[in-house]
Amino acid sequence: GRKWSARTGAAAQDTAAEPSAPLANATDACKLLIFIGDSKMPIWRLNLCGGNAAAVAARAGTKLLPPKIRIVWNPPTSPYQHTEKLRLVVTAVNSGSVCSNDSQFICGVTSLCISSYLVCDGVRHCPGGEDEDTSACAHRRD
């Protein structure tokens, strides 16, 4: 079976075979599946092949996830299938009174915020990518 490794906080969990990872077949090849907890049904099912990964990810939107999620990807098996470079970004977001803290960056018109440490780091963490806009990064000195 496939091997998966998870890291929580400062303590790493052991890498172990994932018995519940589905086997790749014609229907599941190149799909990214995201499950909540031990659920058998994915909350997201994204096809990452065919040059449309960015568009599919944008349509998936942003959802707040519970603390336990499971991510399964069945890569393509044929050398003729093309997969874009894949970067899965999972960012802890806050909402409410936490966002009024100076250590938080407010993501556009949403009620979400991220750590100010993540602003202008080259990775889009806000749903609309406001944390990487030139206006947000104008203050940064490298």
Protein backbone atom coordinates (compact mmCIF):
# COMPACT_ATOMS: atom_id res chain seq x y z
CA GLY A 1 0.00 0.00 0.00
CA ARG A 2 0.91 3.64 -0.12
CA LYS A 3 2.86 5.28 2.67
CA TRP A 4 1.71 8.48 4.29
CA SER A 5 3.35 10.69 6.86
CA ALA A 6 1.65 13.28 9.05
CA ARG A 7 3.18 15.95 11.25
CA THR A 8 1.24 17.63 14.03
CA GLY A 9 2.81 20.49 15.90
CA ALA A 10 6.36 19.68 16.93
CA ALA A 11 5.78 15.93 17.19
CA ALA A 12 5.98 13.79 14.06
CA GLN A 13 3.81 10.73 13.71
CA ASP A 14 5.25 7.54 12.28
CA THR A 15 4.93 6.93 8.55
CA ALA A 16 2.60 4.01 8.03
CA ALA A 17 0.87 2.14 5.22
CA GLU A 18 -2.55 3.68 4.58
CA PRO A 19 -4.93 0.74 4.13
CA SER A 20 -7.89 2.95 3.27
CA ALA A 21 -6.21 4.68 0.31
CA PRO A 22 -8.17 3.73 -2.79
CA LEU A 23 -6.38 1.87 -5.55
CA ALA A 24 -5.76 3.82 -8.74
CA ASN A 25 -8.05 2.89 -11.60
CA ALA A 26 -9.18 4.62 -14.78
CA THR A 27 -11.77 6.69 -12.89
CA ASP A 28 -9.56 7.70 -9.96
CA ALA A 29 -6.26 8.25 -11.78
CA CYS A 30 -4.92 11.74 -11.19
CA LYS A 31 -7.63 12.73 -8.70
CA LEU A 32 -6.93 14.51 -5.43
CA LEU A 33 -9.41 13.45 -2.74
CA ILE A 34 -9.83 15.25 0.58
CA PHE A 35 -11.77 13.54 3.38
CA ILE A 36 -12.93 14.78 6.78
CA GLY A 37 -11.97 12.44 9.61
CA ASP A 38 -12.75 8.81 8.86
CA SER A 39 -15.46 9.61 6.30
CA LYS A 40 -15.71 7.34 3.27
CA MET A 41 -16.96 10.18 1.03
CA PRO A 42 -14.54 12.99 0.04
CA ILE A 43 -15.55 16.61 0.61
CA TRP A 44 -13.42 17.58 -2.40
CA ARG A 45 -12.64 15.52 -5.50
CA LEU A 46 -10.32 17.36 -7.89
CA ASN A 47 -8.93 16.10 -11.19
CA LEU A 48 -5.38 17.46 -11.42
CA CYS A 49 -4.49 16.24 -14.93
CA GLY A 50 -5.05 17.88 -18.27
CA GLY A 51 -3.67 21.33 -17.50
CA ASN A 52 -6.65 22.55 -15.46
CA ALA A 53 -5.41 22.17 -11.88
CA ALA A 54 -5.37 25.91 -11.16
CA ALA A 55 -8.90 26.42 -12.50
CA VAL A 56 -10.25 23.42 -10.59
CA ALA A 57 -8.63 24.56 -7.34
CA ALA A 58 -10.05 28.07 -7.76
CA ARG A 59 -13.57 26.67 -8.27
CA ALA A 60 -13.22 24.48 -5.17
CA GLY A 61 -13.09 27.63 -3.05
CA THR A 62 -12.10 27.85 0.56
CA LYS A 63 -13.71 25.81 3.29
CA LEU A 64 -12.92 25.69 6.96
CA LEU A 65 -11.78 22.18 7.82
CA PRO A 66 -11.95 20.33 11.12
CA PRO A 67 -8.66 19.34 12.80
CA LYS A 68 -8.59 15.86 11.24
CA ILE A 69 -8.44 15.55 7.46
CA ARG A 70 -7.12 12.87 5.10
CA ILE A 71 -5.68 13.64 1.68
CA VAL A 72 -5.40 10.95 -1.01
CA TRP A 73 -3.91 11.42 -4.49
CA ASN A 74 -3.78 8.76 -7.19
CA PRO A 75 -1.11 9.95 -9.63
CA PRO A 76 -1.41 9.08 -13.33
CA THR A 77 0.09 5.74 -14.30
CA SER A 78 0.44 6.35 -18.04
CA PRO A 79 3.54 8.20 -19.21
CA TYR A 80 1.30 10.04 -21.69
CA GLN A 81 -0.78 11.75 -19.01
CA HIS A 82 0.43 15.17 -17.97
CA THR A 83 0.28 16.55 -14.44
CA GLU A 84 1.06 20.17 -13.66
CA LYS A 85 3.38 20.96 -10.81
CA LEU A 86 1.26 20.38 -7.74
CA ARG A 87 1.39 22.56 -4.65
CA LEU A 88 -1.25 21.90 -2.01
CA VAL A 89 -1.29 24.77 0.47
CA VAL A 90 -3.12 24.25 3.76
CA THR A 91 -3.19 27.44 5.81
CA ALA A 92 -4.55 27.96 9.30
CA VAL A 93 -7.04 30.84 9.09
CA ASN A 94 -8.83 32.73 11.82
CA SER A 95 -12.00 34.78 11.97
CA GLY A 96 -13.72 37.08 14.42
CA SER A 97 -11.97 39.04 17.17
CA VAL A 98 -8.65 37.24 16.57
CA CYS A 99 -8.38 39.16 13.27
CA SER A 100 -8.17 42.53 15.07
CA ASN A 101 -4.74 41.56 16.43
CA ASP A 102 -1.75 43.27 14.76
CA SER A 103 -0.17 39.86 14.16
CA GLN A 104 -2.97 38.99 11.71
CA PHE A 105 -3.49 39.96 8.05
CA ILE A 106 -7.10 40.38 6.90
CA CYS A 107 -7.86 38.61 3.61
CA GLY A 108 -9.70 41.20 1.51
CA VAL A 109 -13.45 41.45 2.10
CA THR A 110 -13.69 38.00 3.69
CA SER A 111 -14.06 37.53 7.43
CA LEU A 112 -10.85 35.48 7.41
CA CYS A 113 -7.33 36.39 8.45
CA ILE A 114 -3.92 34.72 8.39
CA SER A 115 -0.71 35.25 10.33
CA SER A 116 1.10 38.39 9.15
CA TYR A 117 4.21 36.21 8.97
CA LEU A 118 2.71 34.55 5.85
CA VAL A 119 2.25 37.80 3.90
CA CYS A 120 4.52 38.23 0.85
CA ASP A 121 6.19 34.83 1.24
CA GLY A 122 5.55 33.82 -2.39
CA VAL A 123 2.58 31.58 -1.53
CA ARG A 124 -1.05 32.68 -1.87
CA HIS A 125 -2.69 31.89 1.48
CA CYS A 126 -5.78 34.13 1.31
CA PRO A 127 -8.66 32.82 -0.85
CA GLY A 128 -8.24 35.76 -3.25
CA GLY A 129 -4.45 35.93 -2.96
CA GLU A 130 -4.49 39.37 -1.30
CA ASP A 131 -1.52 38.40 0.86
CA GLU A 132 0.68 38.41 -2.27
CA ASP A 133 -0.71 41.59 -3.93
CA THR A 134 1.81 44.33 -4.71
CA SER A 135 -0.04 46.67 -2.34
CA ALA A 136 0.40 44.21 0.54
CA CYS A 137 4.05 43.62 -0.32
CA ALA A 138 5.08 47.26 -0.92
CA HIS A 139 6.25 47.58 2.71
CA ARG A 140 8.46 44.50 2.56
CA ARG A 141 12.24 44.94 2.50
CA ASP A 142 14.41 41.96 1.60
